[in-house]
Protein backbone atom coordinates (compact mmCIF):
# COMPACT_ATOMS: atom_id res chain seq x y z
CA MET A 1 -0.02 21.10 13.59
CA THR A 2 2.69 20.83 10.96
CA ARG A 3 1.96 20.31 7.29
CA LEU A 4 4.55 18.56 5.11
CA THR A 5 4.18 18.61 1.35
CA GLY A 6 6.06 17.33 -1.64
CA GLY A 7 6.11 15.09 -4.66
CA ALA A 8 5.94 11.34 -4.21
CA LEU A 9 5.10 8.13 -6.04
CA ARG A 10 1.99 6.10 -5.25
CA LEU A 11 2.22 2.35 -5.71
CA THR A 12 -1.08 0.48 -5.95
CA VAL A 13 -1.06 -3.32 -6.06
CA LEU A 14 -4.39 -4.87 -7.08
CA VAL A 15 -4.81 -8.54 -6.18
CA GLY A 16 -7.55 -10.87 -4.95
CA GLU A 17 -8.16 -11.30 -1.24
CA ASN A 18 -7.66 -15.08 -1.61
CA ASP A 19 -4.23 -14.71 -3.24
CA THR A 20 -1.58 -16.19 -0.96
CA TRP A 21 2.17 -16.30 -0.42
CA HIS A 22 3.35 -19.35 1.55
CA HIS A 23 -0.11 -19.92 3.05
CA LYS A 24 -0.67 -16.34 4.23
CA PRO A 25 -2.56 -13.54 2.49
CA LEU A 26 -0.54 -11.94 -0.29
CA TYR A 27 -1.64 -8.45 0.73
CA ALA A 28 -0.25 -9.05 4.24
CA GLU A 29 3.10 -10.20 2.84
CA ILE A 30 3.32 -7.06 0.69
CA VAL A 31 2.62 -4.84 3.72
CA HIS A 32 5.20 -6.66 5.87
CA ARG A 33 7.84 -6.40 3.15
CA ALA A 34 7.09 -2.70 2.63
CA HIS A 35 7.53 -2.19 6.37
CA ALA A 36 10.79 -4.16 6.40
CA ALA A 37 12.01 -2.07 3.44
CA GLY A 38 11.45 1.09 5.48
CA LEU A 39 8.76 2.56 3.25
CA ALA A 40 6.73 5.44 4.72
CA GLY A 41 3.53 3.44 5.05
CA ALA A 42 1.16 0.96 3.45
CA SER A 43 -2.60 0.47 3.64
CA VAL A 44 -4.86 -2.32 2.42
CA PHE A 45 -8.35 -1.65 1.10
CA ARG A 46 -10.92 -4.35 0.35
CA GLY A 47 -13.09 -3.72 -2.67
CA ILE A 48 -16.78 -4.41 -2.82
CA GLU A 49 -16.86 -5.31 -6.49
CA GLY A 50 -14.45 -5.82 -9.37
CA PHE A 51 -13.03 -8.07 -12.07
CA GLY A 52 -9.61 -8.79 -13.45
CA ALA A 53 -7.97 -10.90 -16.11
CA SER A 54 -10.46 -13.75 -15.55
CA SER A 55 -13.34 -11.38 -16.49
CA LEU A 56 -15.35 -12.90 -13.64
CA VAL A 57 -17.08 -10.16 -11.64
CA HIS A 58 -16.67 -10.60 -7.90
CA THR A 59 -19.13 -8.70 -5.75
CA SER A 60 -20.11 -8.50 -2.10
CA ARG A 61 -23.76 -8.28 -3.21
CA LEU A 62 -23.97 -11.96 -4.16
CA LEU A 63 -22.89 -14.39 -1.48
CA SER A 64 -21.62 -16.95 -3.97
CA LEU A 65 -19.24 -14.45 -5.62
CA SER A 66 -18.06 -12.68 -2.46
CA GLU A 67 -15.23 -15.10 -1.74
CA ASP A 68 -12.42 -13.42 -3.68
CA LEU A 69 -13.04 -9.69 -3.63
CA PRO A 70 -10.45 -7.25 -4.99
CA VAL A 71 -7.83 -5.90 -2.60
CA ALA A 72 -5.70 -2.80 -3.14
CA VAL A 73 -2.42 -2.33 -1.30
CA ILE A 74 -1.35 1.32 -1.47
CA VAL A 75 2.13 2.57 -0.64
CA VAL A 76 3.27 6.20 -0.94
CA ASP A 77 6.90 7.24 -0.60
CA THR A 78 9.60 8.93 -2.63
CA GLU A 79 9.98 7.71 -6.20
CA GLU A 80 13.43 6.30 -5.45
CA ARG A 81 12.23 4.24 -2.49
CA VAL A 82 9.12 2.93 -4.25
CA ARG A 83 11.08 1.91 -7.36
CA ALA A 84 13.66 0.15 -5.16
CA PHE A 85 10.77 -1.91 -3.73
CA LEU A 86 9.50 -3.15 -7.12
CA PRO A 87 11.78 -6.25 -7.24
CA GLU A 88 9.98 -7.50 -4.11
CA LEU A 89 6.71 -7.38 -6.05
CA ASP A 90 8.28 -9.25 -8.97
CA GLU A 91 8.78 -12.14 -6.58
CA LEU A 92 5.35 -11.94 -4.92
CA VAL A 93 2.75 -10.98 -7.53
CA THR A 94 2.09 -13.68 -10.10
CA GLU A 95 -1.40 -12.48 -11.03
CA GLY A 96 -2.54 -8.94 -10.44
CA LEU A 97 -1.89 -5.37 -11.47
CA VAL A 98 0.67 -2.86 -10.23
CA VAL A 99 0.03 0.83 -10.87
CA LEU A 100 2.55 3.61 -10.31
CA ASP A 101 1.46 7.23 -10.42
CA PRO A 102 3.09 10.46 -9.32
CA CYS A 103 1.25 12.30 -6.59
CA GLU A 104 1.59 15.25 -4.29
CA VAL A 105 1.59 14.54 -0.58
CA ILE A 106 0.14 16.76 2.09
CA ARG A 107 0.91 15.11 5.40
CA TYR A 108 -0.23 16.47 8.73
CA THR A 109 1.69 15.83 11.92
CA GLY A 110 0.51 16.38 15.46
CA ARG A 111 1.08 19.52 17.50
CA GLY A 112 4.65 19.94 18.58
CA ALA A 113 5.98 17.22 16.26
CA ALA A 114 9.01 18.44 14.34
CA ALA A 115 9.24 17.80 10.61
CA ASP A 116 12.66 16.23 11.16
CA ASP A 117 11.56 14.00 14.05
CA SER A 118 13.90 11.03 14.10
CA GLY A 119 11.31 8.60 15.47
CA PRO A 120 10.17 5.60 13.44
CA THR A 121 7.08 7.39 12.18
CA GLY A 122 8.64 10.77 11.59
CA GLY A 123 6.19 12.33 14.02
CA ASP A 124 3.22 10.71 12.29
CA PRO A 125 0.61 10.03 15.01
CA SER A 126 -1.19 7.55 12.76
CA GLY A 127 1.69 5.13 13.15
CA ALA A 128 2.07 4.72 9.40
CA GLY A 129 5.78 4.46 10.03
CA GLY A 130 8.85 4.93 7.94
CA THR A 131 10.79 7.89 6.74
CA PRO A 132 9.01 11.24 6.41
CA LEU A 133 8.35 12.37 2.88
């Protein structure tokens, strides 16, 4: 197993699960654009409770309020690559929150995978894709 470490920038986009872009989920459009931009990877997490600018609490505990739960799209890559992606978000996110924070990455690759593997996932067996950090 190989361990790759280094500094990176984490981009977190907080939106509602019902937010859309051209009739498809906004979170899906963000992930597809991050992939097309060659970012290292993106993941979407659905929240169980939260509130935003509307101050209305959405929760999975009450059926009537579980329709628009919070969604977090998280992307981690080099600072340069993440910042180059921000104009895409300017076009997509009309209501939501974007958080940027520096982080340290410890990435594990499978046995025998070289750190400079030229494959699309950089030897990442998870299939997260993109350029190795």
